């Protein structure tokens, strides 16, 4: 599948099959995040994989949605602001770097026939407590991963996205 088709086919999956994600596929997803570009190549991320039943049950407490509990695998993507590049004006690129890594991971998962969904609205403090995270790591994104039981129309972008001319300017703004 070419890249634009892959990007159009990736969607936020909210219905998962219970079968486990194979190690080989999970490792490819994690590798896609590992090799993602980051500002000054600082790579200020850490990925925590949750697959054991008891740990999945515990982590479900950070986001109370029924569909979230169906995912056989959850990856918590953390950022380390002490390791991220900062622009001269102080702009911290940690969150941008995390977003690039997660995007790589979601696209790799889609290519492998797996579903994902970005979750950012979760109980950060409880996540820190449950995972015993050190002070320098901030959980930024929760990424459930699994075989999808739902689907999305790849042509949905024609109606659910702003038109090209509304978001693109050449040489200067409008």
N, C-alpha and C. Protein backbone atom coordinates (compact mmCIF):
# COMPACT_ATOMS: atom_id res chain seq x y z
N UNK A 1 0.85 -1.17 0.00
CA UNK A 1 0.00 0.00 0.00
C UNK A 1 0.90 1.24 0.00
N UNK A 2 0.58 2.22 -0.85
CA UNK A 2 1.40 3.43 -0.85
C UNK A 2 1.07 4.28 0.38
N UNK A 3 1.92 5.26 0.66
CA UNK A 3 1.82 5.99 1.91
C UNK A 3 0.49 6.72 2.07
N UNK A 4 0.02 7.44 1.04
CA UNK A 4 -1.21 8.21 1.19
C UNK A 4 -2.40 7.30 1.46
N UNK A 5 -2.41 6.12 0.85
CA UNK A 5 -3.48 5.16 1.13
C UNK A 5 -3.38 4.61 2.55
N UNK A 6 -2.15 4.35 3.00
CA UNK A 6 -1.95 3.91 4.38
C UNK A 6 -2.47 4.96 5.35
N UNK A 7 -2.11 6.21 5.12
CA UNK A 7 -2.55 7.30 6.00
C UNK A 7 -4.07 7.45 5.98
N UNK A 8 -4.69 7.29 4.82
CA UNK A 8 -6.14 7.39 4.73
C UNK A 8 -6.84 6.22 5.39
N UNK A 9 -6.22 5.06 5.40
CA UNK A 9 -6.83 3.87 5.98
C UNK A 9 -6.66 3.79 7.50
N UNK A 10 -5.66 4.47 8.06
CA UNK A 10 -5.48 4.47 9.51
C UNK A 10 -6.62 5.26 10.15
N UNK A 11 -7.16 4.76 11.22
CA UNK A 11 -8.26 5.43 11.90
C UNK A 11 -8.18 5.11 13.39
N UNK A 12 -9.01 5.78 14.17
CA UNK A 12 -9.05 5.55 15.61
C UNK A 12 -9.96 4.36 15.90
N UNK A 13 -9.35 3.24 16.14
CA UNK A 13 -10.07 1.98 16.38
C UNK A 13 -10.61 1.98 17.81
N UNK A 14 -11.89 1.64 17.94
CA UNK A 14 -12.50 1.58 19.26
C UNK A 14 -13.26 0.27 19.48
N UNK A 15 -12.83 -0.76 18.80
CA UNK A 15 -13.40 -2.08 19.00
C UNK A 15 -12.33 -3.10 18.61
N UNK A 16 -11.87 -3.85 19.61
CA UNK A 16 -10.75 -4.75 19.41
C UNK A 16 -11.14 -6.21 19.62
N UNK A 17 -10.52 -7.07 18.84
CA UNK A 17 -10.57 -8.52 19.04
C UNK A 17 -9.68 -8.82 20.25
N UNK A 18 -9.98 -9.88 20.96
CA UNK A 18 -9.20 -10.21 22.16
C UNK A 18 -7.89 -10.94 21.87
N UNK A 19 -7.68 -11.38 20.64
CA UNK A 19 -6.45 -12.14 20.37
C UNK A 19 -5.21 -11.26 20.57
N UNK A 20 -4.16 -11.85 21.10
CA UNK A 20 -2.95 -11.06 21.39
C UNK A 20 -2.22 -10.61 20.13
N UNK A 21 -1.50 -9.53 20.29
CA UNK A 21 -0.64 -9.02 19.22
C UNK A 21 0.67 -9.80 19.28
N UNK A 22 1.06 -10.36 18.16
CA UNK A 22 2.29 -11.16 18.11
C UNK A 22 3.51 -10.29 18.42
N UNK A 23 4.50 -10.90 19.07
CA UNK A 23 5.74 -10.20 19.43
C UNK A 23 6.38 -9.53 18.22
N UNK A 24 6.43 -10.23 17.10
CA UNK A 24 7.08 -9.68 15.90
C UNK A 24 6.40 -8.38 15.47
N UNK A 25 5.07 -8.35 15.47
CA UNK A 25 4.34 -7.15 15.06
C UNK A 25 4.51 -6.04 16.10
N UNK A 26 4.43 -6.40 17.37
CA UNK A 26 4.61 -5.40 18.43
C UNK A 26 6.01 -4.78 18.33
N UNK A 27 7.01 -5.61 18.10
CA UNK A 27 8.38 -5.10 17.98
C UNK A 27 8.55 -4.17 16.79
N UNK A 28 7.85 -4.44 15.68
CA UNK A 28 7.91 -3.53 14.53
C UNK A 28 7.27 -2.18 14.87
N UNK A 29 6.18 -2.21 15.60
CA UNK A 29 5.53 -0.96 16.02
C UNK A 29 6.46 -0.15 16.92
N UNK A 30 7.08 -0.82 17.88
CA UNK A 30 8.00 -0.14 18.79
C UNK A 30 9.24 0.37 18.04
N UNK A 31 9.71 -0.39 17.08
CA UNK A 31 10.86 0.04 16.27
C UNK A 31 10.50 1.28 15.44
N UNK A 32 9.29 1.33 14.93
CA UNK A 32 8.85 2.51 14.17
C UNK A 32 8.90 3.75 15.06
N UNK A 33 8.51 3.62 16.31
CA UNK A 33 8.61 4.74 17.24
C UNK A 33 10.05 5.08 17.58
N UNK A 34 10.86 4.05 17.76
CA UNK A 34 12.27 4.25 18.11
C UNK A 34 13.02 5.03 17.05
N UNK A 35 12.74 4.75 15.78
CA UNK A 35 13.50 5.39 14.70
C UNK A 35 12.90 6.72 14.25
N UNK A 36 11.82 7.15 14.87
CA UNK A 36 11.20 8.42 14.50
C UNK A 36 12.18 9.57 14.70
N UNK A 37 12.07 10.59 13.86
CA UNK A 37 12.94 11.76 14.06
C UNK A 37 12.53 12.54 15.30
N UNK A 38 13.49 13.22 15.88
CA UNK A 38 13.23 14.10 17.02
C UNK A 38 14.15 15.30 16.92
N UNK A 39 13.75 16.39 17.56
CA UNK A 39 14.55 17.61 17.53
C UNK A 39 15.95 17.32 18.06
N UNK A 40 16.95 17.69 17.28
CA UNK A 40 18.37 17.49 17.61
C UNK A 40 18.70 16.02 17.89
N UNK A 41 17.83 15.11 17.47
CA UNK A 41 17.99 13.67 17.66
C UNK A 41 18.11 13.28 19.14
N UNK A 42 17.43 14.02 20.02
CA UNK A 42 17.52 13.75 21.46
C UNK A 42 16.67 12.56 21.90
N UNK A 43 15.64 12.20 21.13
CA UNK A 43 14.83 11.01 21.41
C UNK A 43 14.33 10.99 22.86
N UNK A 44 13.54 11.99 23.26
CA UNK A 44 13.14 12.10 24.66
C UNK A 44 11.91 11.25 25.03
N UNK A 45 11.92 9.99 24.64
CA UNK A 45 10.74 9.15 24.87
C UNK A 45 11.10 7.85 25.55
N UNK A 46 10.07 7.26 26.11
CA UNK A 46 10.17 5.92 26.67
C UNK A 46 8.82 5.25 26.45
N UNK A 47 8.83 4.01 25.97
CA UNK A 47 7.60 3.27 25.67
C UNK A 47 7.43 2.15 26.69
N UNK A 48 6.27 2.10 27.33
CA UNK A 48 5.96 1.05 28.30
C UNK A 48 4.84 0.20 27.73
N UNK A 49 5.11 -1.09 27.56
CA UNK A 49 4.16 -2.02 26.97
C UNK A 49 3.45 -2.79 28.08
N UNK A 50 2.14 -2.80 28.01
CA UNK A 50 1.32 -3.53 28.98
C UNK A 50 0.55 -4.61 28.21
N UNK A 51 0.79 -5.89 28.57
CA UNK A 51 0.09 -7.00 27.92
C UNK A 51 -0.44 -8.03 28.90
N UNK A 52 0.11 -8.10 30.09
CA UNK A 52 -0.34 -9.09 31.06
C UNK A 52 -1.71 -8.68 31.61
N UNK A 53 -2.58 -9.65 31.75
CA UNK A 53 -3.98 -9.41 32.13
C UNK A 53 -4.12 -8.56 33.38
N UNK A 54 -3.39 -8.89 34.44
CA UNK A 54 -3.51 -8.14 35.70
C UNK A 54 -3.07 -6.69 35.52
N UNK A 55 -2.00 -6.47 34.76
CA UNK A 55 -1.53 -5.11 34.52
C UNK A 55 -2.48 -4.33 33.63
N UNK A 56 -3.08 -5.00 32.65
CA UNK A 56 -4.09 -4.34 31.82
C UNK A 56 -5.28 -3.90 32.67
N UNK A 57 -5.73 -4.76 33.57
CA UNK A 57 -6.86 -4.41 34.45
C UNK A 57 -6.52 -3.17 35.28
N UNK A 58 -5.32 -3.13 35.79
CA UNK A 58 -4.89 -1.97 36.60
C UNK A 58 -4.87 -0.70 35.76
N UNK A 59 -4.33 -0.80 34.56
CA UNK A 59 -4.16 0.39 33.72
C UNK A 59 -5.50 0.90 33.19
N UNK A 60 -6.52 0.05 33.16
CA UNK A 60 -7.85 0.48 32.71
C UNK A 60 -8.42 1.58 33.60
N UNK A 61 -7.92 1.68 34.83
CA UNK A 61 -8.41 2.70 35.76
C UNK A 61 -8.05 4.12 35.32
N UNK A 62 -7.10 4.27 34.42
CA UNK A 62 -6.70 5.62 34.01
C UNK A 62 -7.58 6.22 32.92
N UNK A 63 -8.41 5.35 32.29
CA UNK A 63 -9.29 5.83 31.21
C UNK A 63 -10.54 4.95 31.20
N UNK A 64 -11.64 5.51 31.61
CA UNK A 64 -12.86 4.73 31.83
C UNK A 64 -13.74 4.69 30.58
N UNK A 65 -13.32 3.89 29.63
CA UNK A 65 -14.14 3.64 28.44
C UNK A 65 -14.18 2.13 28.24
N UNK A 66 -15.37 1.62 27.99
CA UNK A 66 -15.55 0.18 27.82
C UNK A 66 -14.66 -0.38 26.70
N UNK A 67 -14.60 0.32 25.59
CA UNK A 67 -13.82 -0.18 24.44
C UNK A 67 -12.34 -0.28 24.76
N UNK A 68 -11.84 0.60 25.63
CA UNK A 68 -10.43 0.59 26.01
C UNK A 68 -10.06 -0.72 26.69
N UNK A 69 -11.00 -1.28 27.41
CA UNK A 69 -10.76 -2.52 28.15
C UNK A 69 -10.66 -3.74 27.24
N UNK A 70 -11.05 -3.60 25.98
CA UNK A 70 -10.99 -4.71 25.03
C UNK A 70 -9.59 -4.91 24.44
N UNK A 71 -8.78 -3.87 24.41
CA UNK A 71 -7.48 -3.94 23.74
C UNK A 71 -6.55 -4.93 24.45
N UNK A 72 -5.94 -5.84 23.71
CA UNK A 72 -5.05 -6.83 24.32
C UNK A 72 -3.66 -6.29 24.63
N UNK A 73 -3.38 -5.08 24.17
CA UNK A 73 -2.07 -4.48 24.38
C UNK A 73 -2.24 -2.97 24.50
N UNK A 74 -1.52 -2.37 25.42
CA UNK A 74 -1.53 -0.93 25.60
C UNK A 74 -0.08 -0.46 25.70
N UNK A 75 0.23 0.58 24.94
CA UNK A 75 1.56 1.18 25.02
C UNK A 75 1.40 2.57 25.62
N UNK A 76 2.14 2.84 26.67
CA UNK A 76 2.14 4.17 27.28
C UNK A 76 3.41 4.86 26.78
N UNK A 77 3.21 5.96 26.09
CA UNK A 77 4.34 6.71 25.54
C UNK A 77 4.61 7.88 26.46
N UNK A 78 5.81 7.91 27.02
CA UNK A 78 6.20 8.93 27.99
C UNK A 78 7.26 9.85 27.38
N UNK A 79 7.23 11.09 27.81
CA UNK A 79 8.23 12.05 27.39
C UNK A 79 9.10 12.46 28.55
N UNK A 80 10.35 12.71 28.25
CA UNK A 80 11.30 13.15 29.26
C UNK A 80 11.73 14.57 28.92
N UNK A 81 11.09 15.54 29.60
CA UNK A 81 11.38 16.95 29.32
C UNK A 81 12.82 17.33 29.70
N UNK A 82 13.46 16.55 30.55
CA UNK A 82 14.85 16.84 30.90
C UNK A 82 15.80 16.44 29.78
N UNK A 83 15.32 15.62 28.84
CA UNK A 83 16.16 15.17 27.71
C UNK A 83 15.76 15.80 26.39
N UNK A 84 14.71 16.59 26.36
CA UNK A 84 14.23 17.13 25.09
C UNK A 84 14.96 18.41 24.70
N UNK A 85 14.97 18.66 23.41
CA UNK A 85 15.60 19.87 22.89
C UNK A 85 14.70 21.07 23.14
N UNK A 86 15.32 22.19 23.53
CA UNK A 86 14.59 23.43 23.74
C UNK A 86 15.15 24.49 22.79
N UNK A 87 14.24 25.17 22.10
CA UNK A 87 14.62 26.27 21.22
C UNK A 87 15.12 27.45 22.05
N UNK A 88 15.83 28.38 21.43
CA UNK A 88 16.39 29.52 22.16
C UNK A 88 15.36 30.31 22.96
N UNK A 89 14.13 30.36 22.47
CA UNK A 89 13.08 31.08 23.20
C UNK A 89 12.43 30.22 24.29
N UNK A 90 12.96 29.01 24.51
CA UNK A 90 12.47 28.14 25.57
C UNK A 90 11.45 27.11 25.11
N UNK A 91 11.00 27.17 23.87
CA UNK A 91 10.01 26.20 23.36
C UNK A 91 10.56 24.79 23.49
N UNK A 92 9.84 23.96 24.26
CA UNK A 92 10.22 22.57 24.52
C UNK A 92 9.60 21.68 23.44
N UNK A 93 10.41 20.92 22.75
CA UNK A 93 9.92 20.09 21.64
C UNK A 93 9.58 18.66 22.05
N UNK A 94 9.53 18.36 23.34
CA UNK A 94 9.24 17.01 23.80
C UNK A 94 7.91 16.50 23.26
N UNK A 95 6.85 17.29 23.42
CA UNK A 95 5.54 16.84 22.97
C UNK A 95 5.49 16.66 21.45
N UNK A 96 6.19 17.49 20.72
CA UNK A 96 6.26 17.34 19.26
C UNK A 96 6.97 16.04 18.91
N UNK A 97 8.08 15.77 19.58
CA UNK A 97 8.83 14.54 19.32
C UNK A 97 7.99 13.30 19.64
N UNK A 98 7.25 13.35 20.75
CA UNK A 98 6.37 12.25 21.12
C UNK A 98 5.31 12.04 20.04
N UNK A 99 4.73 13.13 19.55
CA UNK A 99 3.69 13.02 18.53
C UNK A 99 4.23 12.37 17.26
N UNK A 100 5.44 12.71 16.87
CA UNK A 100 6.04 12.09 15.68
C UNK A 100 6.23 10.59 15.90
N UNK A 101 6.74 10.22 17.06
CA UNK A 101 6.96 8.80 17.36
C UNK A 101 5.64 8.03 17.36
N UNK A 102 4.61 8.59 18.00
CA UNK A 102 3.32 7.92 18.05
C UNK A 102 2.73 7.80 16.65
N UNK A 103 2.86 8.83 15.84
CA UNK A 103 2.35 8.75 14.48
C UNK A 103 3.03 7.63 13.70
N UNK A 104 4.35 7.52 13.84
CA UNK A 104 5.06 6.41 13.20
C UNK A 104 4.51 5.07 13.67
N UNK A 105 4.24 4.96 14.97
CA UNK A 105 3.75 3.71 15.54
C UNK A 105 2.36 3.37 15.02
N UNK A 106 1.48 4.36 14.95
CA UNK A 106 0.11 4.09 14.49
C UNK A 106 0.09 3.70 13.02
N UNK A 107 0.94 4.32 12.23
CA UNK A 107 0.99 3.97 10.80
C UNK A 107 1.59 2.58 10.61
N UNK A 108 2.61 2.24 11.39
CA UNK A 108 3.17 0.88 11.30
C UNK A 108 2.12 -0.15 11.70
N UNK A 109 1.38 0.14 12.75
CA UNK A 109 0.32 -0.78 13.18
C UNK A 109 -0.72 -0.96 12.07
N UNK A 110 -1.12 0.13 11.44
CA UNK A 110 -2.10 0.05 10.36
C UNK A 110 -1.59 -0.81 9.21
N UNK A 111 -0.32 -0.64 8.88
CA UNK A 111 0.25 -1.44 7.79
C UNK A 111 0.22 -2.93 8.13
N UNK A 112 0.31 -3.25 9.42
CA UNK A 112 0.31 -4.65 9.88
C UNK A 112 -1.11 -5.20 10.09
N UNK A 113 -2.12 -4.37 9.80
CA UNK A 113 -3.50 -4.82 9.99
C UNK A 113 -4.00 -4.66 11.41
N UNK A 114 -3.32 -3.86 12.20
CA UNK A 114 -3.69 -3.63 13.60
C UNK A 114 -4.35 -2.27 13.76
N UNK A 115 -5.21 -2.16 14.77
CA UNK A 115 -5.86 -0.91 15.08
C UNK A 115 -5.22 -0.24 16.28
N UNK A 116 -5.31 1.08 16.30
CA UNK A 116 -4.80 1.90 17.41
C UNK A 116 -5.75 3.08 17.62
N UNK A 117 -5.60 3.74 18.74
CA UNK A 117 -6.34 4.97 19.00
C UNK A 117 -5.53 5.82 19.97
N UNK A 118 -5.23 7.05 19.57
CA UNK A 118 -4.53 7.97 20.48
C UNK A 118 -5.46 8.27 21.65
N UNK A 119 -4.95 8.16 22.85
CA UNK A 119 -5.69 8.60 24.04
C UNK A 119 -4.81 9.59 24.78
N UNK A 120 -5.33 10.80 24.93
CA UNK A 120 -4.60 11.83 25.67
C UNK A 120 -5.38 12.29 26.90
N UNK A 121 -6.69 11.99 26.95
CA UNK A 121 -7.55 12.40 28.05
C UNK A 121 -7.63 11.27 29.08
N UNK A 122 -6.59 11.14 29.86
CA UNK A 122 -6.52 10.08 30.86
C UNK A 122 -6.02 10.66 32.18
N UNK A 123 -6.12 9.89 33.24
CA UNK A 123 -5.68 10.32 34.56
C UNK A 123 -4.15 10.18 34.65
N UNK A 124 -3.48 11.27 34.37
CA UNK A 124 -2.01 11.28 34.34
C UNK A 124 -1.41 10.89 35.69
N UNK A 125 -1.94 11.45 36.76
CA UNK A 125 -1.37 11.18 38.09
C UNK A 125 -1.51 9.71 38.47
N UNK A 126 -2.66 9.13 38.18
CA UNK A 126 -2.85 7.71 38.46
C UNK A 126 -1.94 6.84 37.59
N UNK A 127 -1.75 7.25 36.35
CA UNK A 127 -0.84 6.53 35.46
C UNK A 127 0.57 6.53 36.02
N UNK A 128 1.02 7.68 36.47
CA UNK A 128 2.35 7.81 37.07
C UNK A 128 2.48 6.88 38.28
N UNK A 129 1.44 6.87 39.10
CA UNK A 129 1.45 6.03 40.30
C UNK A 129 1.46 4.53 39.94
N UNK A 130 0.57 4.12 39.04
CA UNK A 130 0.46 2.70 38.68
C UNK A 130 1.73 2.16 38.03
N UNK A 131 2.40 3.01 37.26
CA UNK A 131 3.60 2.57 36.55
C UNK A 131 4.88 2.89 37.32
N UNK A 132 4.73 3.53 38.47
CA UNK A 132 5.88 3.89 39.28
C UNK A 132 6.90 4.69 38.46
N UNK A 133 6.39 5.69 37.73
CA UNK A 133 7.26 6.48 36.86
C UNK A 133 8.15 7.42 37.66
N UNK A 134 9.39 7.58 37.24
CA UNK A 134 10.26 8.57 37.88
C UNK A 134 9.79 9.98 37.55
N UNK A 135 10.23 10.95 38.31
CA UNK A 135 9.81 12.34 38.15
C UNK A 135 10.08 12.89 36.75
N UNK A 136 11.09 12.40 36.07
CA UNK A 136 11.45 12.96 34.77
C UNK A 136 10.57 12.45 33.63
N UNK A 137 9.75 11.41 33.85
CA UNK A 137 8.91 10.87 32.79
C UNK A 137 7.46 11.30 32.95
N UNK A 138 6.92 11.87 31.89
CA UNK A 138 5.52 12.27 31.87
C UNK A 138 4.77 11.40 30.87
N UNK A 139 3.72 10.69 31.30
CA UNK A 139 2.93 9.93 30.33
C UNK A 139 2.18 10.92 29.43
N UNK A 140 2.36 10.78 28.12
CA UNK A 140 1.78 11.74 27.18
C UNK A 140 0.64 11.14 26.37
N UNK A 141 0.81 9.88 25.94
CA UNK A 141 -0.17 9.24 25.08
C UNK A 141 -0.34 7.79 25.52
N UNK A 142 -1.59 7.36 25.55
CA UNK A 142 -1.90 5.95 25.78
C UNK A 142 -2.34 5.41 24.42
N UNK A 143 -1.74 4.32 24.01
CA UNK A 143 -2.00 3.76 22.69
C UNK A 143 -2.45 2.30 22.80
N UNK A 144 -3.78 2.05 22.81
CA UNK A 144 -4.22 0.66 22.75
C UNK A 144 -3.92 0.11 21.36
N UNK A 145 -3.54 -1.17 21.31
CA UNK A 145 -3.18 -1.81 20.04
C UNK A 145 -3.84 -3.19 20.00
N UNK A 146 -4.41 -3.52 18.86
CA UNK A 146 -5.00 -4.84 18.70
C UNK A 146 -5.61 -5.02 17.34
N UNK A 147 -6.15 -6.21 17.12
CA UNK A 147 -6.81 -6.49 15.86
C UNK A 147 -8.18 -5.82 15.88
N UNK A 148 -8.49 -5.00 14.88
CA UNK A 148 -9.75 -4.25 14.90
C UNK A 148 -10.96 -5.13 14.59
N UNK A 149 -12.06 -4.79 15.25
CA UNK A 149 -13.35 -5.40 14.95
C UNK A 149 -14.29 -4.35 14.34
N UNK A 150 -13.78 -3.15 14.12
CA UNK A 150 -14.55 -2.12 13.45
C UNK A 150 -13.75 -1.66 12.24
N UNK A 151 -14.25 -0.66 11.55
CA UNK A 151 -13.54 -0.14 10.37
C UNK A 151 -13.98 1.30 10.15
N UNK A 152 -13.31 1.95 9.23
CA UNK A 152 -13.65 3.32 8.86
C UNK A 152 -13.51 3.46 7.35
N UNK A 153 -14.33 4.28 6.77
CA UNK A 153 -14.29 4.54 5.33
C UNK A 153 -13.08 5.40 5.00
N UNK A 154 -12.16 4.91 4.17
CA UNK A 154 -10.98 5.72 3.84
C UNK A 154 -11.33 7.03 3.13
N UNK A 155 -12.51 7.11 2.55
CA UNK A 155 -12.93 8.34 1.87
C UNK A 155 -13.56 9.35 2.83
N UNK A 156 -13.60 9.04 4.12
CA UNK A 156 -14.19 9.95 5.10
C UNK A 156 -13.48 11.29 5.13
N UNK A 157 -12.25 11.33 4.71
CA UNK A 157 -11.46 12.56 4.75
C UNK A 157 -12.02 13.63 3.80
N UNK A 158 -12.71 13.19 2.77
CA UNK A 158 -13.29 14.15 1.82
C UNK A 158 -14.33 15.03 2.49
N UNK A 159 -15.01 14.50 3.50
CA UNK A 159 -16.06 15.27 4.17
C UNK A 159 -15.67 15.74 5.57
N UNK A 160 -14.69 15.10 6.19
CA UNK A 160 -14.36 15.42 7.58
C UNK A 160 -13.07 16.21 7.75
N UNK A 161 -12.50 16.65 6.68
CA UNK A 161 -11.28 17.44 6.73
C UNK A 161 -11.51 18.78 6.06
N UNK A 162 -10.80 19.78 6.52
CA UNK A 162 -10.88 21.09 5.87
C UNK A 162 -10.37 20.96 4.44
N UNK A 163 -10.92 21.76 3.54
CA UNK A 163 -10.44 21.71 2.16
C UNK A 163 -8.98 22.17 2.07
N UNK A 164 -8.28 21.63 1.09
CA UNK A 164 -6.86 21.92 0.84
C UNK A 164 -6.59 23.43 0.84
N UNK A 165 -7.37 24.18 0.08
CA UNK A 165 -7.15 25.62 -0.05
C UNK A 165 -7.35 26.40 1.23
N UNK A 166 -8.05 25.81 2.20
CA UNK A 166 -8.28 26.49 3.47
C UNK A 166 -7.09 26.37 4.41
N UNK A 167 -6.27 25.36 4.21
CA UNK A 167 -5.17 25.13 5.15
C UNK A 167 -3.78 25.28 4.54
N UNK A 168 -3.72 25.57 3.23
CA UNK A 168 -2.43 25.67 2.56
C UNK A 168 -2.27 27.06 1.94
N UNK A 169 -1.14 27.69 2.19
CA UNK A 169 -0.76 28.94 1.55
C UNK A 169 0.63 28.76 0.94
N UNK A 170 0.89 29.46 -0.12
CA UNK A 170 2.22 29.41 -0.73
C UNK A 170 2.86 30.79 -0.64
N UNK A 171 4.10 30.80 -0.22
CA UNK A 171 4.98 31.98 -0.16
C UNK A 171 4.66 32.90 1.00
N UNK A 172 3.39 33.10 1.41
CA UNK A 172 3.03 33.85 2.60
C UNK A 172 1.60 33.47 2.96
N UNK A 173 1.18 33.91 4.15
CA UNK A 173 -0.18 33.55 4.58
C UNK A 173 -1.21 34.18 3.67
N UNK A 174 -2.00 33.36 3.07
CA UNK A 174 -3.09 33.73 2.16
C UNK A 174 -2.56 34.71 1.19
